[in-house]
């Protein structure tokens, strides 16, 4: 569900920052009705891609297991409306 069609122009700068300091802002996640897994709720796909890349490069647990902020799915919205939100 990543809406970005091109790589974030700040990708390398963000990656260097995460490598140096870790995540400044944990990703926001949610869970669609009936799904077993969580997804990025709003933004954060670049950070997720970078964390995955750093994990592949280093195998350091700090890139594999991260704290996230969970936001319940807005039950008044359909899945399609929630995806757009």
C-alpha atoms as a PDB file:
ATOM      1  CA  UNK A   1       0.000   0.000   0.000  1.00  0.00           C
ATOM      2  CA  UNK A   2       2.998   2.318  -0.365  1.00  0.00           C
ATOM      3  CA  UNK A   3       1.750   5.279  -2.428  1.00  0.00           C
ATOM      4  CA  UNK A   4       5.272   6.494  -3.209  1.00  0.00           C
ATOM      5  CA  UNK A   5       6.163   5.783  -6.842  1.00  0.00           C
ATOM      6  CA  UNK A   6       9.772   6.962  -6.621  1.00  0.00           C
ATOM      7  CA  UNK A   7      12.428   6.602  -3.981  1.00  0.00           C
ATOM      8  CA  UNK A   8      12.378   9.305  -1.322  1.00  0.00           C
ATOM      9  CA  UNK A   9      15.067  11.840  -2.322  1.00  0.00           C
ATOM     10  CA  UNK A  10      16.177  11.949   1.346  1.00  0.00           C
ATOM     11  CA  UNK A  11      16.538   8.138   1.561  1.00  0.00           C
ATOM     12  CA  UNK A  12      20.298   8.053   2.160  1.00  0.00           C
ATOM     13  CA  UNK A  13      20.125  10.912   4.675  1.00  0.00           C
ATOM     14  CA  UNK A  14      17.309   9.178   6.574  1.00  0.00           C
ATOM     15  CA  UNK A  15      19.220   5.893   6.480  1.00  0.00           C
ATOM     16  CA  UNK A  16      22.346   7.537   7.917  1.00  0.00           C
ATOM     17  CA  UNK A  17      20.239   9.125  10.666  1.00  0.00           C
ATOM     18  CA  UNK A  18      18.603   5.820  11.606  1.00  0.00           C
ATOM     19  CA  UNK A  19      21.984   4.095  11.615  1.00  0.00           C
ATOM     20  CA  UNK A  20      23.412   6.796  13.908  1.00  0.00           C
ATOM     21  CA  UNK A  21      20.493   7.545  16.261  1.00  0.00           C
ATOM     22  CA  UNK A  22      17.843   4.927  15.638  1.00  0.00           C
ATOM     23  CA  UNK A  23      14.247   5.890  14.910  1.00  0.00           C
ATOM     24  CA  UNK A  24      13.233   9.349  16.059  1.00  0.00           C
ATOM     25  CA  UNK A  25       9.569   8.630  15.308  1.00  0.00           C
ATOM     26  CA  UNK A  26       8.160   5.109  15.485  1.00  0.00           C
ATOM     27  CA  UNK A  27       5.874   4.107  12.609  1.00  0.00           C
ATOM     28  CA  UNK A  28       2.114   4.284  13.072  1.00  0.00           C
ATOM     29  CA  UNK A  29       0.416   0.985  12.292  1.00  0.00           C
ATOM     30  CA  UNK A  30      -3.146  -0.280  12.077  1.00  0.00           C
ATOM     31  CA  UNK A  31      -4.950  -3.536  11.403  1.00  0.00           C
ATOM     32  CA  UNK A  32      -7.691  -3.918   8.803  1.00  0.00           C
ATOM     33  CA  UNK A  33     -10.851  -5.704   9.925  1.00  0.00           C
ATOM     34  CA  UNK A  34     -10.408  -9.465   9.686  1.00  0.00           C
ATOM     35  CA  UNK A  35      -6.665  -9.316   8.938  1.00  0.00           C
ATOM     36  CA  UNK A  36      -4.047 -11.105  11.040  1.00  0.00           C
ATOM     37  CA  UNK A  37      -1.224  -8.667  10.350  1.00  0.00           C
ATOM     38  CA  UNK A  38      -0.670  -4.938  10.766  1.00  0.00           C
ATOM     39  CA  UNK A  39       0.147  -2.382   8.088  1.00  0.00           C
ATOM     40  CA  UNK A  40       1.666   1.097   8.053  1.00  0.00           C
ATOM     41  CA  UNK A  41      -1.156   3.502   8.908  1.00  0.00           C
ATOM     42  CA  UNK A  42       0.135   6.822   7.582  1.00  0.00           C
ATOM     43  CA  UNK A  43       3.589   7.465   6.271  1.00  0.00           C
ATOM     44  CA  UNK A  44       6.641   5.543   7.386  1.00  0.00           C
ATOM     45  CA  UNK A  45       7.147   3.379   4.326  1.00  0.00           C
ATOM     46  CA  UNK A  46      10.592   4.890   3.694  1.00  0.00           C
ATOM     47  CA  UNK A  47      11.632   4.203   7.279  1.00  0.00           C
ATOM     48  CA  UNK A  48      10.305   0.653   6.997  1.00  0.00           C
ATOM     49  CA  UNK A  49      12.264   0.064   3.773  1.00  0.00           C
ATOM     50  CA  UNK A  50      15.408   1.467   5.396  1.00  0.00           C
ATOM     51  CA  UNK A  51      14.987  -0.680   8.509  1.00  0.00           C
ATOM     52  CA  UNK A  52      14.567  -3.738   6.308  1.00  0.00           C
ATOM     53  CA  UNK A  53      17.687  -2.809   4.338  1.00  0.00           C
ATOM     54  CA  UNK A  54      19.715  -2.196   7.517  1.00  0.00           C
ATOM     55  CA  UNK A  55      18.517  -5.530   8.932  1.00  0.00           C
ATOM     56  CA  UNK A  56      19.625  -7.318   5.747  1.00  0.00           C
ATOM     57  CA  UNK A  57      23.014  -5.584   5.887  1.00  0.00           C
ATOM     58  CA  UNK A  58      23.777  -5.967   9.603  1.00  0.00           C
ATOM     59  CA  UNK A  59      21.425  -8.527  11.184  1.00  0.00           C
ATOM     60  CA  UNK A  60      21.283  -6.190  14.211  1.00  0.00           C
ATOM     61  CA  UNK A  61      18.134  -6.767  16.251  1.00  0.00           C
ATOM     62  CA  UNK A  62      17.578  -3.018  16.688  1.00  0.00           C
ATOM     63  CA  UNK A  63      16.575  -2.920  13.009  1.00  0.00           C
ATOM     64  CA  UNK A  64      14.409  -6.031  13.181  1.00  0.00           C
ATOM     65  CA  UNK A  65      12.335  -5.384  16.307  1.00  0.00           C
ATOM     66  CA  UNK A  66      11.009  -1.859  16.691  1.00  0.00           C
ATOM     67  CA  UNK A  67       8.366  -0.151  18.771  1.00  0.00           C
ATOM     68  CA  UNK A  68       5.338   1.036  16.793  1.00  0.00           C
ATOM     69  CA  UNK A  69       2.324   3.177  17.632  1.00  0.00           C
ATOM     70  CA  UNK A  70      -0.883   1.216  17.092  1.00  0.00           C
ATOM     71  CA  UNK A  71      -4.005   3.024  15.932  1.00  0.00           C
ATOM     72  CA  UNK A  72      -7.242   1.003  15.872  1.00  0.00           C
ATOM     73  CA  UNK A  73      -8.961   0.806  12.492  1.00  0.00           C
ATOM     74  CA  UNK A  74     -11.741   3.352  12.213  1.00  0.00           C
ATOM     75  CA  UNK A  75     -14.669   0.958  12.365  1.00  0.00           C
ATOM     76  CA  UNK A  76     -17.080   3.439  10.783  1.00  0.00           C
ATOM     77  CA  UNK A  77     -15.062   3.289   7.551  1.00  0.00           C
ATOM     78  CA  UNK A  78     -15.052   0.512   4.993  1.00  0.00           C
ATOM     79  CA  UNK A  79     -11.706  -1.092   4.166  1.00  0.00           C
ATOM     80  CA  UNK A  80     -11.554   0.943   0.944  1.00  0.00           C
ATOM     81  CA  UNK A  81     -12.285   4.213   2.754  1.00  0.00           C
ATOM     82  CA  UNK A  82      -9.770   3.336   5.458  1.00  0.00           C
ATOM     83  CA  UNK A  83      -7.105   2.644   2.842  1.00  0.00           C
ATOM     84  CA  UNK A  84      -7.682   6.088   1.367  1.00  0.00           C
ATOM     85  CA  UNK A  85      -7.606   7.686   4.806  1.00  0.00           C
END
